Amino acid sequence: MRCVIARFPFDLIKSEVEHSMAGREPEPVTSASVVIGPHSYPVKQVGEVITKQDRRDFTELEVARALTRLGFVCHPTVTPARSAVPSWAETA
């Protein structure tokens, strides 16, 4: 599949992305993530591996869009849940 990431065209194939990530230890997920095989990787980590570019050169959205089109499951950034009890009430 042809896609553009950080203004550069790439021809990505799902099996090649899987092969590129095989054996790589997933970094802690603190933002958008993608499931590849049994692991969940940060989208930026995968983007860096498949494009061989610095993570600052592309956005999570660019990579997530390309990975979704390839058939991978991407998850948005996880935001911490808010407590139902106001912080001032917890000390009372």
N, C-alpha and C. Protein backbone atom coordinates (compact mmCIF):
# COMPACT_ATOMS: atom_id res chain seq x y z
N MET A 1 0.85 -1.16 0.00
CA MET A 1 0.00 0.00 0.00
C MET A 1 0.90 1.23 0.00
N ARG A 2 0.59 2.15 -0.84
CA ARG A 2 1.33 3.41 -0.96
C ARG A 2 0.77 4.40 0.04
N CYS A 3 1.66 5.04 0.82
CA CYS A 3 1.22 6.07 1.76
C CYS A 3 2.33 7.11 1.88
N VAL A 4 1.98 8.26 2.43
CA VAL A 4 2.94 9.34 2.63
C VAL A 4 3.04 9.60 4.13
N ILE A 5 4.27 9.56 4.63
CA ILE A 5 4.54 9.84 6.04
C ILE A 5 5.68 10.85 6.07
N ALA A 6 5.46 11.96 6.72
CA ALA A 6 6.45 13.04 6.81
C ALA A 6 6.90 13.48 5.42
N ARG A 7 5.95 13.62 4.51
CA ARG A 7 6.17 14.10 3.15
C ARG A 7 6.98 13.14 2.27
N PHE A 8 7.21 11.91 2.74
CA PHE A 8 7.94 10.92 1.94
C PHE A 8 7.02 9.75 1.62
N PRO A 9 7.03 9.28 0.37
CA PRO A 9 6.18 8.14 0.00
C PRO A 9 6.80 6.81 0.45
N PHE A 10 5.94 5.91 0.89
CA PHE A 10 6.36 4.57 1.32
C PHE A 10 5.40 3.55 0.74
N ASP A 11 5.95 2.41 0.34
CA ASP A 11 5.14 1.27 -0.07
C ASP A 11 5.20 0.27 1.07
N LEU A 12 4.13 0.21 1.85
CA LEU A 12 4.11 -0.65 3.03
C LEU A 12 3.30 -1.91 2.76
N ILE A 13 3.79 -3.01 3.30
CA ILE A 13 3.10 -4.29 3.23
C ILE A 13 2.97 -4.81 4.66
N LYS A 14 1.78 -5.28 5.01
CA LYS A 14 1.51 -5.70 6.38
C LYS A 14 2.53 -6.71 6.89
N SER A 15 2.85 -7.71 6.09
CA SER A 15 3.79 -8.74 6.53
C SER A 15 5.19 -8.17 6.76
N GLU A 16 5.57 -7.15 5.99
CA GLU A 16 6.88 -6.53 6.18
C GLU A 16 6.92 -5.72 7.47
N VAL A 17 5.82 -5.07 7.80
CA VAL A 17 5.76 -4.32 9.07
C VAL A 17 5.86 -5.31 10.23
N GLU A 18 5.13 -6.42 10.14
CA GLU A 18 5.19 -7.45 11.18
C GLU A 18 6.61 -8.00 11.33
N HIS A 19 7.26 -8.24 10.21
CA HIS A 19 8.62 -8.76 10.23
C HIS A 19 9.59 -7.74 10.82
N SER A 20 9.41 -6.46 10.50
CA SER A 20 10.27 -5.40 11.04
C SER A 20 10.15 -5.28 12.55
N MET A 21 8.97 -5.54 13.09
CA MET A 21 8.74 -5.38 14.53
C MET A 21 8.99 -6.68 15.30
N ALA A 22 9.13 -7.79 14.61
CA ALA A 22 9.37 -9.08 15.27
C ALA A 22 10.68 -9.03 16.05
N GLY A 23 10.61 -9.43 17.31
CA GLY A 23 11.79 -9.46 18.16
C GLY A 23 12.13 -8.13 18.82
N ARG A 24 11.40 -7.10 18.49
CA ARG A 24 11.63 -5.79 19.13
C ARG A 24 10.80 -5.70 20.40
N GLU A 25 11.43 -5.24 21.44
CA GLU A 25 10.75 -5.06 22.72
C GLU A 25 9.88 -3.81 22.65
N PRO A 26 8.58 -3.93 22.96
CA PRO A 26 7.72 -2.74 22.94
C PRO A 26 8.11 -1.76 24.05
N GLU A 27 8.13 -0.50 23.71
CA GLU A 27 8.36 0.54 24.71
C GLU A 27 7.07 0.72 25.51
N PRO A 28 7.14 1.34 26.68
CA PRO A 28 5.91 1.60 27.43
C PRO A 28 4.94 2.46 26.61
N VAL A 29 3.69 2.08 26.62
CA VAL A 29 2.68 2.80 25.85
C VAL A 29 2.15 3.96 26.69
N THR A 30 2.42 5.17 26.24
CA THR A 30 1.94 6.37 26.93
C THR A 30 1.10 7.24 26.00
N SER A 31 1.00 6.84 24.74
CA SER A 31 0.23 7.59 23.76
C SER A 31 -0.45 6.59 22.83
N ALA A 32 -0.76 7.01 21.61
CA ALA A 32 -1.44 6.13 20.67
C ALA A 32 -0.62 4.85 20.47
N SER A 33 -1.32 3.73 20.30
CA SER A 33 -0.63 2.45 20.17
C SER A 33 -1.23 1.62 19.04
N VAL A 34 -0.47 0.61 18.63
CA VAL A 34 -0.91 -0.30 17.58
C VAL A 34 -0.59 -1.72 18.03
N VAL A 35 -1.52 -2.63 17.74
CA VAL A 35 -1.33 -4.03 18.09
C VAL A 35 -0.71 -4.74 16.89
N ILE A 36 0.50 -5.29 17.12
CA ILE A 36 1.18 -6.07 16.09
C ILE A 36 1.55 -7.40 16.74
N GLY A 37 0.93 -8.46 16.26
CA GLY A 37 1.14 -9.77 16.88
C GLY A 37 0.60 -9.74 18.30
N PRO A 38 1.35 -10.29 19.25
CA PRO A 38 0.87 -10.32 20.63
C PRO A 38 1.20 -9.06 21.43
N HIS A 39 1.85 -8.08 20.79
CA HIS A 39 2.31 -6.90 21.51
C HIS A 39 1.58 -5.64 21.09
N SER A 40 1.57 -4.68 22.00
CA SER A 40 1.05 -3.35 21.72
C SER A 40 2.23 -2.38 21.75
N TYR A 41 2.48 -1.74 20.62
CA TYR A 41 3.61 -0.83 20.47
C TYR A 41 3.13 0.62 20.38
N PRO A 42 3.91 1.57 20.88
CA PRO A 42 3.59 2.98 20.60
C PRO A 42 3.68 3.22 19.09
N VAL A 43 2.76 3.97 18.57
CA VAL A 43 2.73 4.25 17.13
C VAL A 43 4.04 4.90 16.68
N LYS A 44 4.58 5.79 17.49
CA LYS A 44 5.83 6.47 17.13
C LYS A 44 6.99 5.48 17.02
N GLN A 45 7.03 4.46 17.86
CA GLN A 45 8.09 3.45 17.78
C GLN A 45 8.01 2.71 16.45
N VAL A 46 6.81 2.30 16.08
CA VAL A 46 6.63 1.58 14.82
C VAL A 46 6.97 2.49 13.64
N GLY A 47 6.52 3.73 13.72
CA GLY A 47 6.81 4.68 12.64
C GLY A 47 8.30 4.87 12.43
N GLU A 48 9.04 4.95 13.52
CA GLU A 48 10.48 5.13 13.43
C GLU A 48 11.13 3.91 12.77
N VAL A 49 10.66 2.72 13.10
CA VAL A 49 11.24 1.50 12.54
C VAL A 49 10.93 1.38 11.05
N ILE A 50 9.68 1.59 10.67
CA ILE A 50 9.30 1.34 9.27
C ILE A 50 9.73 2.45 8.33
N THR A 51 9.90 3.68 8.83
CA THR A 51 10.32 4.78 7.96
C THR A 51 11.80 5.09 8.07
N LYS A 52 12.44 4.61 9.15
CA LYS A 52 13.85 4.93 9.42
C LYS A 52 14.07 6.43 9.55
N GLN A 53 13.05 7.13 10.05
CA GLN A 53 13.12 8.57 10.28
C GLN A 53 13.05 8.85 11.77
N ASP A 54 13.47 10.03 12.14
CA ASP A 54 13.37 10.48 13.53
C ASP A 54 11.89 10.66 13.88
N ARG A 55 11.54 10.32 15.10
CA ARG A 55 10.13 10.40 15.55
C ARG A 55 9.57 11.82 15.48
N ARG A 56 10.44 12.79 15.51
CA ARG A 56 9.97 14.18 15.46
C ARG A 56 9.55 14.59 14.05
N ASP A 57 9.86 13.75 13.06
CA ASP A 57 9.57 14.10 11.67
C ASP A 57 8.15 13.77 11.22
N PHE A 58 7.42 12.98 12.01
CA PHE A 58 6.07 12.59 11.62
C PHE A 58 5.15 12.63 12.83
N THR A 59 3.86 12.59 12.56
CA THR A 59 2.87 12.60 13.64
C THR A 59 2.33 11.20 13.87
N GLU A 60 1.77 11.01 15.04
CA GLU A 60 1.12 9.73 15.36
C GLU A 60 -0.02 9.47 14.37
N LEU A 61 -0.73 10.51 14.02
CA LEU A 61 -1.89 10.36 13.13
C LEU A 61 -1.47 9.84 11.77
N GLU A 62 -0.37 10.33 11.22
CA GLU A 62 0.10 9.86 9.91
C GLU A 62 0.37 8.36 9.94
N VAL A 63 1.09 7.91 10.96
CA VAL A 63 1.46 6.50 11.06
C VAL A 63 0.24 5.65 11.39
N ALA A 64 -0.59 6.10 12.32
CA ALA A 64 -1.78 5.34 12.69
C ALA A 64 -2.72 5.17 11.50
N ARG A 65 -2.85 6.19 10.69
CA ARG A 65 -3.71 6.11 9.51
C ARG A 65 -3.17 5.05 8.54
N ALA A 66 -1.86 5.06 8.31
CA ALA A 66 -1.27 4.08 7.40
C ALA A 66 -1.40 2.66 7.96
N LEU A 67 -1.15 2.49 9.25
CA LEU A 67 -1.24 1.16 9.86
C LEU A 67 -2.67 0.64 9.87
N THR A 68 -3.63 1.52 10.08
CA THR A 68 -5.04 1.13 10.05
C THR A 68 -5.43 0.67 8.65
N ARG A 69 -4.95 1.38 7.63
CA ARG A 69 -5.24 1.00 6.25
C ARG A 69 -4.63 -0.36 5.90
N LEU A 70 -3.53 -0.71 6.57
CA LEU A 70 -2.90 -2.02 6.36
C LEU A 70 -3.65 -3.14 7.09
N GLY A 71 -4.54 -2.78 8.01
CA GLY A 71 -5.32 -3.78 8.73
C GLY A 71 -4.94 -3.97 10.18
N PHE A 72 -4.03 -3.14 10.70
CA PHE A 72 -3.67 -3.22 12.11
C PHE A 72 -4.70 -2.48 12.96
N VAL A 73 -4.82 -2.87 14.22
CA VAL A 73 -5.72 -2.22 15.16
C VAL A 73 -4.94 -1.16 15.93
N CYS A 74 -5.37 0.08 15.81
CA CYS A 74 -4.72 1.19 16.52
C CYS A 74 -5.66 1.69 17.61
N HIS A 75 -5.06 2.11 18.71
CA HIS A 75 -5.82 2.65 19.83
C HIS A 75 -5.38 4.09 20.08
N PRO A 76 -6.32 4.98 20.35
CA PRO A 76 -5.94 6.38 20.60
C PRO A 76 -5.19 6.54 21.91
N THR A 77 -4.70 7.73 22.13
CA THR A 77 -4.01 8.05 23.37
C THR A 77 -4.91 7.77 24.56
N VAL A 78 -4.37 7.12 25.57
CA VAL A 78 -5.13 6.79 26.77
C VAL A 78 -5.00 7.96 27.74
N THR A 79 -6.14 8.46 28.19
CA THR A 79 -6.12 9.52 29.18
C THR A 79 -6.50 8.92 30.52
N PRO A 80 -5.82 9.32 31.58
CA PRO A 80 -6.14 8.76 32.90
C PRO A 80 -7.57 9.13 33.32
N ALA A 81 -8.23 8.19 33.95
CA ALA A 81 -9.60 8.42 34.42
C ALA A 81 -9.60 9.38 35.59
N ARG A 82 -10.60 10.22 35.63
CA ARG A 82 -10.73 11.16 36.74
C ARG A 82 -11.46 10.49 37.89
N SER A 83 -11.09 10.89 39.06
CA SER A 83 -11.74 10.38 40.25
C SER A 83 -13.13 10.99 40.37
N ALA A 84 -14.10 10.19 40.78
CA ALA A 84 -15.47 10.70 40.96
C ALA A 84 -15.56 11.55 42.22
N VAL A 85 -14.60 11.40 43.14
CA VAL A 85 -14.61 12.15 44.38
C VAL A 85 -13.64 13.33 44.23
N PRO A 86 -14.09 14.55 44.51
CA PRO A 86 -13.20 15.70 44.41
C PRO A 86 -12.01 15.52 45.36
N SER A 87 -10.85 16.02 44.95
CA SER A 87 -9.64 15.83 45.76
C SER A 87 -9.75 16.45 47.14
N TRP A 88 -10.53 17.52 47.30
CA TRP A 88 -10.66 18.14 48.61
C TRP A 88 -11.48 17.27 49.55
N ALA A 89 -12.36 16.40 48.98
CA ALA A 89 -13.21 15.55 49.81
C ALA A 89 -12.48 14.28 50.28
N GLU A 90 -11.38 13.93 49.61
CA GLU A 90 -10.66 12.70 49.96
C GLU A 90 -9.97 12.82 51.32
N THR A 91 -9.60 14.02 51.74
CA THR A 91 -8.87 14.20 52.98
C THR A 91 -9.79 14.35 54.17
N ALA A 92 -11.07 14.51 53.94
CA ALA A 92 -12.01 14.75 55.04
C ALA A 92 -12.34 13.49 55.80
